[in-house]
Amino acid sequence: MKPKVIVIVGPTASGKTALGVEIAKRINGEIVSCDSMQIYKDMNIGTAKPTLEEQEGIVHHLIDFVLPNTRYTVSEYRKDAKCAIEKIIEKGKNPIVVGGTGLYVESLIYEIEYPEINTDEEYRKQLEQEAKENGLEKLYEKACKIDSKAMEKISPNDQKRILRVLEIYHDTGKTKTQLEFESRLNEIPYDYHIFGIDMPREVLYDRIDKRVDLMIEARAYR
């Protein structure tokens, strides 16, 4: 029997944190954050880190532990998250993974091992220059030809992820999709139970607007 791990996913401001805390209170759990921005120290505005009041006494792992100028990879996250899960289980408690960073979630629950890629800075500058001169659309089309499956989940306006698809292929000779497929042959150590939060878009946008206002107000009073 593999240890059970609850995973709560959903868009920004959908209520993941509150739900995770409520579940943790009911089943003697601790939370493992799965957010690529909440890991950074001092970066509180815009990241919606749960305050101590919002945590309601529930232990939260992988929040505020990386310096903003430190490079932190998805592979490092997967390793740290599994370590946190093991510690929670050893204490006789139940792990609850809460987050909205899809890459982190997939890497963890599917045991995807992304290779350590040494970024070719010259190639990145070349891509950024191409985007500036010819428009991001050209690079998007190029990435679609290289890895159409990966690009199904990437917006034509998401420069960071478009460039990443191109960089992975440039540096490894393999597509992002191919690397993920190869790594998914690894055994998954936990029995993940995944729950996704969904709501009407207009409701979600209203919640996001209110959250931004609250974060700005909180900053103004410091």
N, C-alpha and C. Protein backbone atom coordinates (compact mmCIF):
# COMPACT_ATOMS: atom_id res chain seq x y z
N MET A 1 0.84 -1.19 0.00
CA MET A 1 0.00 0.00 0.00
C MET A 1 0.88 1.25 0.00
N LYS A 2 0.71 2.07 -1.02
CA LYS A 2 1.46 3.32 -1.08
C LYS A 2 0.80 4.37 -0.18
N PRO A 3 1.61 5.22 0.45
CA PRO A 3 1.04 6.30 1.28
C PRO A 3 0.15 7.21 0.43
N LYS A 4 -0.99 7.61 0.98
CA LYS A 4 -1.91 8.49 0.25
C LYS A 4 -1.49 9.95 0.42
N VAL A 5 -1.54 10.69 -0.67
CA VAL A 5 -1.21 12.12 -0.66
C VAL A 5 -2.31 12.87 -1.39
N ILE A 6 -2.93 13.82 -0.72
CA ILE A 6 -3.96 14.65 -1.35
C ILE A 6 -3.30 15.79 -2.11
N VAL A 7 -3.80 16.07 -3.31
CA VAL A 7 -3.28 17.18 -4.13
C VAL A 7 -4.44 18.09 -4.50
N ILE A 8 -4.33 19.36 -4.17
CA ILE A 8 -5.38 20.34 -4.50
C ILE A 8 -4.80 21.33 -5.51
N VAL A 9 -5.42 21.40 -6.69
CA VAL A 9 -4.94 22.31 -7.73
C VAL A 9 -6.07 23.22 -8.19
N GLY A 10 -5.70 24.27 -8.88
CA GLY A 10 -6.69 25.22 -9.38
C GLY A 10 -6.04 26.54 -9.69
N PRO A 11 -6.76 27.43 -10.36
CA PRO A 11 -6.20 28.73 -10.74
C PRO A 11 -6.01 29.66 -9.55
N THR A 12 -5.30 30.74 -9.79
CA THR A 12 -5.09 31.76 -8.77
C THR A 12 -6.42 32.27 -8.22
N ALA A 13 -6.47 32.42 -6.90
CA ALA A 13 -7.64 32.98 -6.19
C ALA A 13 -8.86 32.06 -6.19
N SER A 14 -8.66 30.78 -6.49
CA SER A 14 -9.79 29.85 -6.51
C SER A 14 -10.11 29.27 -5.14
N GLY A 15 -9.25 29.57 -4.15
CA GLY A 15 -9.54 29.10 -2.79
C GLY A 15 -8.77 27.85 -2.38
N LYS A 16 -7.67 27.57 -3.07
CA LYS A 16 -6.88 26.37 -2.76
C LYS A 16 -6.35 26.38 -1.33
N THR A 17 -5.80 27.53 -0.92
CA THR A 17 -5.19 27.62 0.40
C THR A 17 -6.21 27.36 1.50
N ALA A 18 -7.35 28.02 1.43
CA ALA A 18 -8.38 27.86 2.45
C ALA A 18 -8.88 26.42 2.50
N LEU A 19 -9.07 25.81 1.34
CA LEU A 19 -9.53 24.42 1.29
C LEU A 19 -8.48 23.48 1.88
N GLY A 20 -7.21 23.71 1.51
CA GLY A 20 -6.14 22.88 2.04
C GLY A 20 -6.05 22.95 3.55
N VAL A 21 -6.18 24.15 4.10
CA VAL A 21 -6.13 24.34 5.56
C VAL A 21 -7.30 23.63 6.23
N GLU A 22 -8.48 23.76 5.67
CA GLU A 22 -9.67 23.14 6.26
C GLU A 22 -9.54 21.61 6.27
N ILE A 23 -9.05 21.06 5.17
CA ILE A 23 -8.85 19.61 5.09
C ILE A 23 -7.79 19.17 6.09
N ALA A 24 -6.70 19.94 6.19
CA ALA A 24 -5.62 19.61 7.11
C ALA A 24 -6.12 19.57 8.55
N LYS A 25 -7.01 20.48 8.91
CA LYS A 25 -7.56 20.51 10.27
C LYS A 25 -8.40 19.27 10.54
N ARG A 26 -9.06 18.78 9.53
CA ARG A 26 -9.97 17.65 9.72
C ARG A 26 -9.29 16.29 9.69
N ILE A 27 -8.16 16.19 8.97
CA ILE A 27 -7.52 14.86 8.83
C ILE A 27 -6.11 14.82 9.42
N ASN A 28 -5.78 15.80 10.27
CA ASN A 28 -4.45 15.83 10.89
C ASN A 28 -3.36 15.90 9.83
N GLY A 29 -3.45 16.93 9.02
CA GLY A 29 -2.52 17.05 7.90
C GLY A 29 -1.59 18.24 7.99
N GLU A 30 -0.60 18.24 7.12
CA GLU A 30 0.30 19.37 6.92
C GLU A 30 0.35 19.66 5.43
N ILE A 31 0.61 20.90 5.09
CA ILE A 31 0.55 21.33 3.69
C ILE A 31 1.93 21.49 3.07
N VAL A 32 2.05 21.00 1.84
CA VAL A 32 3.27 21.18 1.04
C VAL A 32 2.91 22.12 -0.11
N SER A 33 3.46 23.31 -0.09
CA SER A 33 3.16 24.28 -1.14
C SER A 33 3.75 23.82 -2.48
N CYS A 34 2.99 24.04 -3.54
CA CYS A 34 3.45 23.68 -4.88
C CYS A 34 3.32 24.90 -5.78
N ASP A 35 3.94 25.99 -5.34
CA ASP A 35 3.85 27.27 -6.04
C ASP A 35 5.26 27.80 -6.31
N SER A 36 5.55 28.08 -7.57
CA SER A 36 6.90 28.47 -7.96
C SER A 36 7.30 29.86 -7.50
N MET A 37 6.34 30.68 -7.03
CA MET A 37 6.65 32.02 -6.55
C MET A 37 6.69 32.10 -5.03
N GLN A 38 5.87 31.30 -4.36
CA GLN A 38 5.81 31.34 -2.91
C GLN A 38 7.06 30.76 -2.24
N ILE A 39 7.90 30.11 -3.02
CA ILE A 39 9.14 29.56 -2.47
C ILE A 39 10.13 30.67 -2.09
N TYR A 40 9.99 31.85 -2.72
CA TYR A 40 11.00 32.90 -2.55
C TYR A 40 10.76 33.77 -1.31
N LYS A 41 11.82 34.03 -0.60
CA LYS A 41 11.77 34.89 0.57
C LYS A 41 11.49 36.33 0.15
N ASP A 42 10.76 37.05 1.00
CA ASP A 42 10.51 38.48 0.87
C ASP A 42 9.58 38.86 -0.29
N MET A 43 9.35 37.96 -1.23
CA MET A 43 8.49 38.29 -2.37
C MET A 43 7.04 37.99 -1.98
N ASN A 44 6.43 38.92 -1.26
CA ASN A 44 5.09 38.68 -0.72
C ASN A 44 3.98 39.30 -1.58
N ILE A 45 4.27 40.46 -2.17
CA ILE A 45 3.26 41.10 -3.02
C ILE A 45 3.15 40.35 -4.34
N GLY A 46 1.94 39.97 -4.67
CA GLY A 46 1.71 39.29 -5.94
C GLY A 46 1.83 37.78 -5.88
N THR A 47 2.40 37.24 -4.81
CA THR A 47 2.55 35.78 -4.71
C THR A 47 1.45 35.15 -3.87
N ALA A 48 0.73 35.97 -3.13
CA ALA A 48 -0.40 35.49 -2.31
C ALA A 48 0.01 34.40 -1.33
N LYS A 49 1.16 34.57 -0.72
CA LYS A 49 1.56 33.61 0.32
C LYS A 49 0.55 33.64 1.46
N PRO A 50 0.19 32.49 1.99
CA PRO A 50 -0.74 32.49 3.12
C PRO A 50 -0.09 33.12 4.35
N THR A 51 -0.79 34.06 4.96
CA THR A 51 -0.29 34.67 6.18
C THR A 51 -0.40 33.68 7.34
N LEU A 52 0.24 34.01 8.45
CA LEU A 52 0.14 33.13 9.62
C LEU A 52 -1.31 32.98 10.05
N GLU A 53 -2.07 34.06 9.91
CA GLU A 53 -3.49 34.00 10.26
C GLU A 53 -4.23 33.04 9.33
N GLU A 54 -3.92 33.10 8.05
CA GLU A 54 -4.58 32.23 7.07
C GLU A 54 -4.16 30.77 7.23
N GLN A 55 -2.94 30.54 7.74
CA GLN A 55 -2.47 29.17 7.93
C GLN A 55 -3.17 28.48 9.09
N GLU A 56 -3.73 29.26 10.00
CA GLU A 56 -4.53 28.74 11.12
C GLU A 56 -3.80 27.65 11.91
N GLY A 57 -2.51 27.82 12.09
CA GLY A 57 -1.76 26.87 12.89
C GLY A 57 -1.33 25.61 12.16
N ILE A 58 -1.70 25.48 10.89
CA ILE A 58 -1.31 24.31 10.10
C ILE A 58 0.10 24.52 9.56
N VAL A 59 0.95 23.54 9.71
CA VAL A 59 2.32 23.64 9.22
C VAL A 59 2.33 23.66 7.70
N HIS A 60 3.04 24.64 7.14
CA HIS A 60 3.20 24.77 5.69
C HIS A 60 4.68 24.57 5.33
N HIS A 61 4.92 23.70 4.36
CA HIS A 61 6.29 23.42 3.90
C HIS A 61 6.54 24.09 2.54
N LEU A 62 7.80 24.41 2.28
CA LEU A 62 8.27 24.96 1.00
C LEU A 62 7.69 26.34 0.69
N ILE A 63 7.63 27.18 1.71
CA ILE A 63 7.27 28.58 1.55
C ILE A 63 8.39 29.42 2.18
N ASP A 64 8.81 30.47 1.48
CA ASP A 64 9.83 31.38 2.04
C ASP A 64 11.14 30.69 2.40
N PHE A 65 11.71 29.93 1.48
CA PHE A 65 12.96 29.25 1.83
C PHE A 65 14.06 29.39 0.76
N VAL A 66 13.78 30.14 -0.31
CA VAL A 66 14.76 30.34 -1.38
C VAL A 66 14.99 31.84 -1.57
N LEU A 67 16.25 32.26 -1.64
CA LEU A 67 16.56 33.67 -1.88
C LEU A 67 16.16 34.04 -3.31
N PRO A 68 15.63 35.25 -3.52
CA PRO A 68 15.16 35.66 -4.84
C PRO A 68 16.22 35.59 -5.94
N ASN A 69 17.50 35.74 -5.58
CA ASN A 69 18.56 35.71 -6.60
C ASN A 69 19.14 34.31 -6.79
N THR A 70 18.49 33.30 -6.24
CA THR A 70 18.97 31.93 -6.35
C THR A 70 18.21 31.18 -7.44
N ARG A 71 18.95 30.46 -8.28
CA ARG A 71 18.31 29.65 -9.31
C ARG A 71 17.77 28.37 -8.66
N TYR A 72 16.50 28.13 -8.85
CA TYR A 72 15.84 26.96 -8.25
C TYR A 72 15.07 26.24 -9.33
N THR A 73 15.41 24.97 -9.57
CA THR A 73 14.83 24.23 -10.68
C THR A 73 13.65 23.38 -10.25
N VAL A 74 12.90 22.93 -11.25
CA VAL A 74 11.76 22.06 -10.97
C VAL A 74 12.24 20.73 -10.39
N SER A 75 13.42 20.28 -10.80
CA SER A 75 13.99 19.04 -10.25
C SER A 75 14.28 19.19 -8.76
N GLU A 76 14.76 20.36 -8.37
CA GLU A 76 15.02 20.62 -6.95
C GLU A 76 13.71 20.66 -6.18
N TYR A 77 12.68 21.25 -6.81
CA TYR A 77 11.39 21.28 -6.13
C TYR A 77 10.88 19.86 -5.87
N ARG A 78 10.93 19.02 -6.90
CA ARG A 78 10.42 17.64 -6.74
C ARG A 78 11.15 16.92 -5.61
N LYS A 79 12.45 17.10 -5.53
CA LYS A 79 13.23 16.48 -4.47
C LYS A 79 12.83 17.02 -3.10
N ASP A 80 12.69 18.34 -2.98
CA ASP A 80 12.34 18.95 -1.71
C ASP A 80 10.91 18.59 -1.30
N ALA A 81 10.00 18.53 -2.27
CA ALA A 81 8.60 18.19 -1.97
C ALA A 81 8.50 16.76 -1.46
N LYS A 82 9.21 15.85 -2.10
CA LYS A 82 9.17 14.45 -1.65
C LYS A 82 9.77 14.31 -0.26
N CYS A 83 10.79 15.09 0.02
CA CYS A 83 11.41 15.08 1.35
C CYS A 83 10.40 15.58 2.39
N ALA A 84 9.67 16.64 2.06
CA ALA A 84 8.67 17.19 2.97
C ALA A 84 7.54 16.18 3.19
N ILE A 85 7.11 15.53 2.12
CA ILE A 85 6.05 14.52 2.23
C ILE A 85 6.48 13.39 3.16
N GLU A 86 7.72 12.94 3.00
CA GLU A 86 8.22 11.85 3.85
C GLU A 86 8.25 12.26 5.32
N LYS A 87 8.67 13.49 5.60
CA LYS A 87 8.72 13.97 6.97
C LYS A 87 7.33 14.01 7.60
N ILE A 88 6.35 14.43 6.80
CA ILE A 88 4.97 14.50 7.29
C ILE A 88 4.46 13.10 7.61
N ILE A 89 4.72 12.17 6.72
CA ILE A 89 4.28 10.78 6.91
C ILE A 89 4.95 10.17 8.14
N GLU A 90 6.24 10.45 8.32
CA GLU A 90 6.97 9.91 9.47
C GLU A 90 6.39 10.41 10.79
N LYS A 91 5.78 11.60 10.76
CA LYS A 91 5.16 12.15 11.97
C LYS A 91 3.76 11.59 12.20
N GLY A 92 3.32 10.70 11.30
CA GLY A 92 1.99 10.13 11.43
C GLY A 92 0.89 11.05 10.96
N LYS A 93 1.26 12.05 10.14
CA LYS A 93 0.28 12.99 9.62
C LYS A 93 0.05 12.76 8.12
N ASN A 94 -0.89 13.51 7.58
CA ASN A 94 -1.28 13.33 6.18
C ASN A 94 -0.81 14.50 5.31
N PRO A 95 -0.04 14.23 4.26
CA PRO A 95 0.45 15.29 3.38
C PRO A 95 -0.65 15.81 2.46
N ILE A 96 -0.70 17.13 2.31
CA ILE A 96 -1.65 17.76 1.40
C ILE A 96 -0.86 18.73 0.52
N VAL A 97 -0.73 18.42 -0.74
CA VAL A 97 -0.01 19.27 -1.68
C VAL A 97 -0.98 20.30 -2.23
N VAL A 98 -0.62 21.57 -2.12
CA VAL A 98 -1.51 22.65 -2.57
C VAL A 98 -0.74 23.58 -3.50
N GLY A 99 -1.25 23.79 -4.70
CA GLY A 99 -0.53 24.71 -5.57
C GLY A 99 -1.16 24.94 -6.92
N GLY A 100 -0.58 25.93 -7.59
CA GLY A 100 -1.09 26.28 -8.90
C GLY A 100 -0.04 26.30 -9.98
N THR A 101 1.17 25.79 -9.69
CA THR A 101 2.21 25.76 -10.72
C THR A 101 2.20 24.38 -11.39
N GLY A 102 1.62 24.34 -12.59
CA GLY A 102 1.41 23.07 -13.26
C GLY A 102 2.67 22.24 -13.45
N LEU A 103 3.77 22.89 -13.81
CA LEU A 103 5.02 22.17 -14.04
C LEU A 103 5.49 21.47 -12.77
N TYR A 104 5.37 22.16 -11.64
CA TYR A 104 5.76 21.56 -10.36
C TYR A 104 4.86 20.38 -10.01
N VAL A 105 3.56 20.57 -10.21
CA VAL A 105 2.60 19.51 -9.89
C VAL A 105 2.86 18.27 -10.73
N GLU A 106 3.01 18.45 -12.03
CA GLU A 106 3.23 17.31 -12.92
C GLU A 106 4.53 16.60 -12.61
N SER A 107 5.58 17.37 -12.34
CA SER A 107 6.87 16.77 -12.03
C SER A 107 6.77 15.88 -10.79
N LEU A 108 5.98 16.33 -9.81
CA LEU A 108 5.84 15.58 -8.56
C LEU A 108 4.96 14.35 -8.71
N ILE A 109 3.75 14.53 -9.21
CA ILE A 109 2.79 13.42 -9.21
C ILE A 109 3.08 12.37 -10.28
N TYR A 110 3.78 12.77 -11.35
CA TYR A 110 4.11 11.81 -12.40
C TYR A 110 5.58 11.37 -12.35
N GLU A 111 6.29 11.84 -11.33
CA GLU A 111 7.70 11.47 -11.14
C GLU A 111 8.53 11.80 -12.37
N ILE A 112 8.29 13.00 -12.92
CA ILE A 112 9.02 13.44 -14.10
C ILE A 112 10.37 14.00 -13.70
N GLU A 113 11.42 13.50 -14.31
CA GLU A 113 12.77 13.98 -14.04
C GLU A 113 13.23 14.85 -15.20
N TYR A 114 13.23 16.15 -14.98
CA TYR A 114 13.76 17.05 -16.01
C TYR A 114 15.28 17.11 -15.85
N PRO A 115 16.02 16.86 -16.92
CA PRO A 115 17.48 16.89 -16.82
C PRO A 115 17.99 18.28 -16.50
N GLU A 116 19.11 18.34 -15.80
CA GLU A 116 19.72 19.63 -15.52
C GLU A 116 20.31 20.18 -16.82
N ILE A 117 19.67 21.22 -17.31
CA ILE A 117 20.09 21.80 -18.59
C ILE A 117 20.86 23.08 -18.33
N ASN A 118 22.07 23.12 -18.82
CA ASN A 118 22.88 24.33 -18.71
C ASN A 118 22.44 25.31 -19.80
N THR A 119 21.78 26.35 -19.36
CA THR A 119 21.22 27.31 -20.32
C THR A 119 22.30 27.95 -21.17
N ASP A 120 22.09 27.89 -22.48
CA ASP A 120 22.98 28.54 -23.44
C ASP A 120 22.55 30.01 -23.51
N GLU A 121 23.28 30.87 -22.80
CA GLU A 121 22.90 32.27 -22.70
C GLU A 121 22.90 32.96 -24.06
N GLU A 122 23.82 32.58 -24.92
CA GLU A 122 23.87 33.20 -26.25
C GLU A 122 22.64 32.82 -27.06
N TYR A 123 22.23 31.56 -26.95
CA TYR A 123 21.04 31.10 -27.67
C TYR A 123 19.80 31.80 -27.13
N ARG A 124 19.73 31.97 -25.80
CA ARG A 124 18.58 32.65 -25.21
C ARG A 124 18.51 34.10 -25.70
N LYS A 125 19.66 34.78 -25.72
CA LYS A 125 19.68 36.16 -26.20
C LYS A 125 19.25 36.23 -27.66
N GLN A 126 19.66 35.23 -28.43
CA GLN A 126 19.28 35.17 -29.84
C GLN A 126 17.76 35.05 -29.98
N LEU A 127 17.16 34.17 -29.17
CA LEU A 127 15.71 33.99 -29.21
C LEU A 127 14.98 35.26 -28.77
N GLU A 128 15.47 35.88 -27.73
CA GLU A 128 14.85 37.11 -27.24
C GLU A 128 14.92 38.22 -28.29
N GLN A 129 16.04 38.27 -29.01
CA GLN A 129 16.20 39.26 -30.06
C GLN A 129 15.24 38.99 -31.22
N GLU A 130 15.09 37.70 -31.55
CA GLU A 130 14.16 37.31 -32.61
C GLU A 130 12.74 37.71 -32.25
N ALA A 131 12.38 37.48 -30.99
CA ALA A 131 11.03 37.83 -30.53
C ALA A 131 10.81 39.33 -30.63
N LYS A 132 11.84 40.09 -30.31
CA LYS A 132 11.74 41.55 -30.34
C LYS A 132 11.63 42.07 -31.76
N GLU A 133 12.41 41.48 -32.66
CA GLU A 133 12.46 42.00 -34.04
C GLU A 133 11.33 41.46 -34.91
N ASN A 134 11.02 40.16 -34.75
CA ASN A 134 10.06 39.52 -35.66
C ASN A 134 8.72 39.19 -35.01
N GLY A 135 8.64 39.38 -33.70
CA GLY A 135 7.41 39.05 -33.01
C GLY A 135 7.45 37.66 -32.41
N LEU A 136 6.77 37.48 -31.30
CA LEU A 136 6.77 36.20 -30.59
C LEU A 136 6.06 35.11 -31.39
N GLU A 137 5.16 35.52 -32.27
CA GLU A 137 4.39 34.56 -33.05
C GLU A 137 5.28 33.63 -33.87
N LYS A 138 6.38 34.17 -34.41
CA LYS A 138 7.30 33.36 -35.22
C LYS A 138 7.94 32.26 -34.38
N LEU A 139 8.34 32.62 -33.15
CA LEU A 139 8.95 31.63 -32.27
C LEU A 139 7.91 30.61 -31.81
N TYR A 140 6.69 31.06 -31.62
CA TYR A 140 5.62 30.15 -31.24
C TYR A 140 5.41 29.10 -32.34
N GLU A 141 5.39 29.55 -33.58
CA GLU A 141 5.21 28.63 -34.71
C GLU A 141 6.39 27.65 -34.80
N LYS A 142 7.58 28.16 -34.54
CA LYS A 142 8.77 27.31 -34.57
C LYS A 142 8.70 26.25 -33.49
N ALA A 143 8.27 26.64 -32.31
CA ALA A 143 8.16 25.70 -31.19
C ALA A 143 7.08 24.66 -31.48
N CYS A 144 5.99 25.07 -32.14
CA CYS A 144 4.91 24.13 -32.49
C CYS A 144 5.40 23.05 -33.45
N LYS A 145 6.28 23.43 -34.36
CA LYS A 145 6.83 22.46 -35.31
C LYS A 145 7.75 21.46 -34.60
N ILE A 146 8.44 21.93 -33.58
CA ILE A 146 9.37 21.07 -32.85
C ILE A 146 8.65 20.15 -31.87
N ASP A 147 7.69 20.72 -31.13
CA ASP A 147 7.01 19.94 -30.08
C ASP A 147 5.55 20.39 -29.99
N SER A 148 4.74 19.91 -30.93
CA SER A 148 3.34 20.34 -31.00
C SER A 148 2.55 19.95 -29.76
N LYS A 149 2.85 18.80 -29.18
CA LYS A 149 2.10 18.34 -28.01
C LYS A 149 2.33 19.24 -26.80
N ALA A 150 3.57 19.59 -26.56
CA ALA A 150 3.88 20.48 -25.43
C ALA A 150 3.24 21.84 -25.63
N MET A 151 3.18 22.29 -26.87
CA MET A 151 2.67 23.62 -27.16
C MET A 151 1.15 23.70 -27.03
N GLU A 152 0.48 22.55 -26.94
CA GLU A 152 -0.98 22.57 -26.76
C GLU A 152 -1.37 23.26 -25.46
N LYS A 153 -0.47 23.24 -24.47
CA LYS A 153 -0.76 23.82 -23.16
C LYS A 153 -0.12 25.19 -22.96
N ILE A 154 0.49 25.72 -24.01
CA ILE A 154 1.23 26.99 -23.89
C ILE A 154 0.58 28.07 -24.73
N SER A 155 0.33 29.21 -24.12
CA SER A 155 -0.29 30.34 -24.81
C SER A 155 0.68 30.96 -25.81
N PRO A 156 0.18 31.45 -26.93
CA PRO A 156 1.04 32.13 -27.91
C PRO A 156 1.71 33.39 -27.34
N ASN A 157 1.23 33.85 -26.19
CA ASN A 157 1.79 35.05 -25.56
C ASN A 157 2.75 34.74 -24.41
N ASP A 158 2.94 33.46 -24.13
CA ASP A 158 3.77 33.06 -23.00
C ASP A 158 5.23 32.89 -23.45
N GLN A 159 5.94 34.01 -23.51
CA GLN A 159 7.31 33.97 -24.03
C GLN A 159 8.22 33.06 -23.23
N LYS A 160 8.11 33.09 -21.92
CA LYS A 160 8.99 32.29 -21.07
C LYS A 160 8.90 30.80 -21.40
N ARG A 161 7.68 30.28 -21.53
CA ARG A 161 7.51 28.84 -21.79
C ARG A 161 7.81 28.49 -23.25
N ILE A 162 7.53 29.40 -24.16
CA ILE A 162 7.87 29.16 -25.57
C ILE A 162 9.37 29.02 -25.73
N LEU A 163 10.11 29.95 -25.12
CA LEU A 163 11.57 29.89 -25.19
C LEU A 163 12.10 28.64 -24.53
N ARG A 164 11.44 28.21 -23.46
CA ARG A 164 11.91 27.02 -22.74
C ARG A 164 11.81 25.77 -23.62
N VAL A 165 10.73 25.66 -24.37
CA VAL A 165 10.56 24.51 -25.28
C VAL A 165 11.68 24.50 -26.31
N LEU A 166 12.00 25.67 -26.84
CA LEU A 166 13.07 25.78 -27.84
C LEU A 166 14.44 25.49 -27.22
N GLU A 167 14.66 25.98 -26.00
CA GLU A 167 15.95 25.77 -25.34
C GLU A 167 16.18 24.31 -25.01
N ILE A 168 15.14 23.63 -24.55
CA ILE A 168 15.28 22.21 -24.22
C ILE A 168 15.71 21.42 -25.44
N TYR A 169 15.07 21.69 -26.57
CA TYR A 169 15.41 20.97 -27.79
C TYR A 169 16.82 21.33 -28.26
N HIS A 170 17.17 22.60 -28.14
CA HIS A 170 18.51 23.06 -28.56
C HIS A 170 19.60 22.42 -27.71
N ASP A 171 19.36 22.31 -26.40
CA ASP A 171 20.39 21.84 -25.48
C ASP A 171 20.48 20.31 -25.37
N THR A 172 19.37 19.60 -25.64
CA THR A 172 19.37 18.14 -25.43
C THR A 172 19.17 17.34 -26.71
N GLY A 173 18.63 17.99 -27.74
CA GLY A 173 18.33 17.24 -28.95
C GLY A 173 17.04 16.46 -28.83
N LYS A 174 16.36 16.61 -27.69
CA LYS A 174 15.08 15.93 -27.45
C LYS A 174 14.02 16.97 -27.13
N THR A 175 12.77 16.63 -27.43
CA THR A 175 11.69 17.56 -27.11
C THR A 175 11.31 17.44 -25.64
N LYS A 176 10.62 18.45 -25.15
CA LYS A 176 10.12 18.43 -23.78
C LYS A 176 9.18 17.24 -23.59
N THR A 177 8.34 16.98 -24.58
CA THR A 177 7.40 15.86 -24.51
C THR A 177 8.14 14.53 -24.43
N GLN A 178 9.20 14.38 -25.21
CA GLN A 178 9.98 13.15 -25.21
C GLN A 178 10.65 12.92 -23.86
N LEU A 179 11.21 13.96 -23.29
CA LEU A 179 11.87 13.84 -21.99
C LEU A 179 10.87 13.46 -20.91
N GLU A 180 9.67 14.03 -20.97
CA GLU A 180 8.64 13.71 -19.98
C GLU A 180 8.19 12.26 -20.12
N PHE A 181 8.04 11.80 -21.36
CA PHE A 181 7.62 10.41 -21.58
C PHE A 181 8.65 9.43 -21.03
N GLU A 182 9.91 9.70 -21.29
CA GLU A 182 10.97 8.81 -20.82
C GLU A 182 11.02 8.77 -19.30
N SER A 183 10.81 9.90 -18.66
CA SER A 183 10.90 9.94 -17.20
C SER A 183 9.68 9.31 -16.54
N ARG A 184 8.55 9.27 -17.23
CA ARG A 184 7.34 8.72 -16.63
C ARG A 184 7.40 7.20 -16.49
N LEU A 185 8.48 6.61 -16.93
CA LEU A 185 8.67 5.17 -16.74
C LEU A 185 9.06 4.88 -15.29
N ASN A 186 9.40 5.93 -14.53
CA ASN A 186 9.77 5.76 -13.12
C ASN A 186 8.55 5.40 -12.30
N GLU A 187 8.76 4.60 -11.27
CA GLU A 187 7.66 4.22 -10.40
C GLU A 187 7.23 5.39 -9.53
N ILE A 188 5.93 5.58 -9.39
CA ILE A 188 5.39 6.65 -8.55
C ILE A 188 5.24 6.14 -7.13
N PRO A 189 5.91 6.78 -6.16
CA PRO A 189 5.97 6.24 -4.79
C PRO A 189 4.73 6.47 -3.94
N TYR A 190 3.82 7.38 -4.37
CA TYR A 190 2.67 7.70 -3.54
C TYR A 190 1.36 7.49 -4.29
N ASP A 191 0.28 7.34 -3.54
CA ASP A 191 -1.04 7.20 -4.11
C ASP A 191 -1.69 8.59 -4.07
N TYR A 192 -1.51 9.33 -5.17
CA TYR A 192 -1.99 10.70 -5.21
C TYR A 192 -3.49 10.76 -5.49
N HIS A 193 -4.20 11.57 -4.70
CA HIS A 193 -5.62 11.82 -4.92
C HIS A 193 -5.75 13.29 -5.29
N ILE A 194 -6.07 13.56 -6.55
CA ILE A 194 -6.01 14.92 -7.08
C ILE A 194 -7.40 15.53 -7.19
N PHE A 195 -7.53 16.74 -6.64
CA PHE A 195 -8.79 17.47 -6.67
C PHE A 195 -8.55 18.85 -7.30
N GLY A 196 -9.36 19.17 -8.31
CA GLY A 196 -9.21 20.46 -8.98
C GLY A 196 -10.39 21.38 -8.67
N ILE A 197 -10.10 22.64 -8.38
CA ILE A 197 -11.13 23.63 -8.11
C ILE A 197 -11.48 24.35 -9.40
N ASP A 198 -12.76 24.47 -9.67
CA ASP A 198 -13.21 25.16 -10.87
C ASP A 198 -14.36 26.08 -10.50
N MET A 199 -14.50 27.16 -11.23
CA MET A 199 -15.59 28.10 -11.01
C MET A 199 -15.76 28.97 -12.24
N PRO A 200 -16.91 29.63 -12.40
CA PRO A 200 -17.13 30.51 -13.56
C PRO A 200 -16.04 31.57 -13.67
N ARG A 201 -15.63 31.87 -14.88
CA ARG A 201 -14.52 32.80 -15.10
C ARG A 201 -14.79 34.18 -14.51
N GLU A 202 -16.03 34.67 -14.64
CA GLU A 202 -16.33 36.00 -14.12
C GLU A 202 -16.19 36.06 -12.60
N VAL A 203 -16.54 34.97 -11.93
CA VAL A 203 -16.39 34.90 -10.47
C VAL A 203 -14.91 34.89 -10.11
N LEU A 204 -14.13 34.11 -10.85
CA LEU A 204 -12.70 34.01 -10.59
C LEU A 204 -12.01 35.36 -10.80
N TYR A 205 -12.34 36.06 -11.88
CA TYR A 205 -11.73 37.36 -12.16
C TYR A 205 -12.06 38.37 -11.07
N ASP A 206 -13.28 38.30 -10.57
CA ASP A 206 -13.68 39.21 -9.49
C ASP A 206 -12.87 38.92 -8.23
N ARG A 207 -12.64 37.65 -7.95
CA ARG A 207 -11.85 37.26 -6.78
C ARG A 207 -10.40 37.71 -6.93
N ILE A 208 -9.87 37.61 -8.14
CA ILE A 208 -8.49 38.04 -8.39
C ILE A 208 -8.37 39.55 -8.19
N ASP A 209 -9.32 40.31 -8.72
CA ASP A 209 -9.30 41.77 -8.56
C ASP A 209 -9.31 42.16 -7.09
N LYS A 210 -10.16 41.51 -6.31
CA LYS A 210 -10.26 41.82 -4.89
C LYS A 210 -8.97 41.44 -4.16
N ARG A 211 -8.37 40.32 -4.57
CA ARG A 211 -7.12 39.90 -3.93
C ARG A 211 -6.01 40.92 -4.18
N VAL A 212 -5.91 41.41 -5.40
CA VAL A 212 -4.89 42.42 -5.72
C VAL A 212 -5.08 43.67 -4.87
N ASP A 213 -6.33 44.11 -4.76
CA ASP A 213 -6.61 45.30 -3.95
C ASP A 213 -6.21 45.09 -2.49
N LEU A 214 -6.50 43.93 -1.97
CA LEU A 214 -6.16 43.64 -0.57
C LEU A 214 -4.66 43.60 -0.36
N MET A 215 -3.91 43.03 -1.32
CA MET A 215 -2.45 42.96 -1.18
C MET A 215 -1.83 44.35 -1.22
N ILE A 216 -2.34 45.21 -2.09
CA ILE A 216 -1.83 46.57 -2.19
C ILE A 216 -2.16 47.36 -0.91
N GLU A 217 -3.38 47.19 -0.40
CA GLU A 217 -3.77 47.87 0.82
C GLU A 217 -2.90 47.42 2.01
N ALA A 218 -2.65 46.11 2.08
CA ALA A 218 -1.83 45.59 3.18
C ALA A 218 -0.42 46.16 3.12
N ARG A 219 0.11 46.31 1.90
CA ARG A 219 1.45 46.87 1.73
C ARG A 219 1.48 48.35 2.13
N ALA A 220 0.40 49.07 1.83
CA ALA A 220 0.35 50.51 2.10
C ALA A 220 0.40 50.81 3.58
N TYR A 221 -0.07 49.89 4.41
CA TYR A 221 -0.11 50.13 5.85
C TYR A 221 1.14 49.67 6.57
N ARG A 222 2.12 49.16 5.83
CA ARG A 222 3.36 48.70 6.48
C ARG A 222 4.30 49.85 6.74
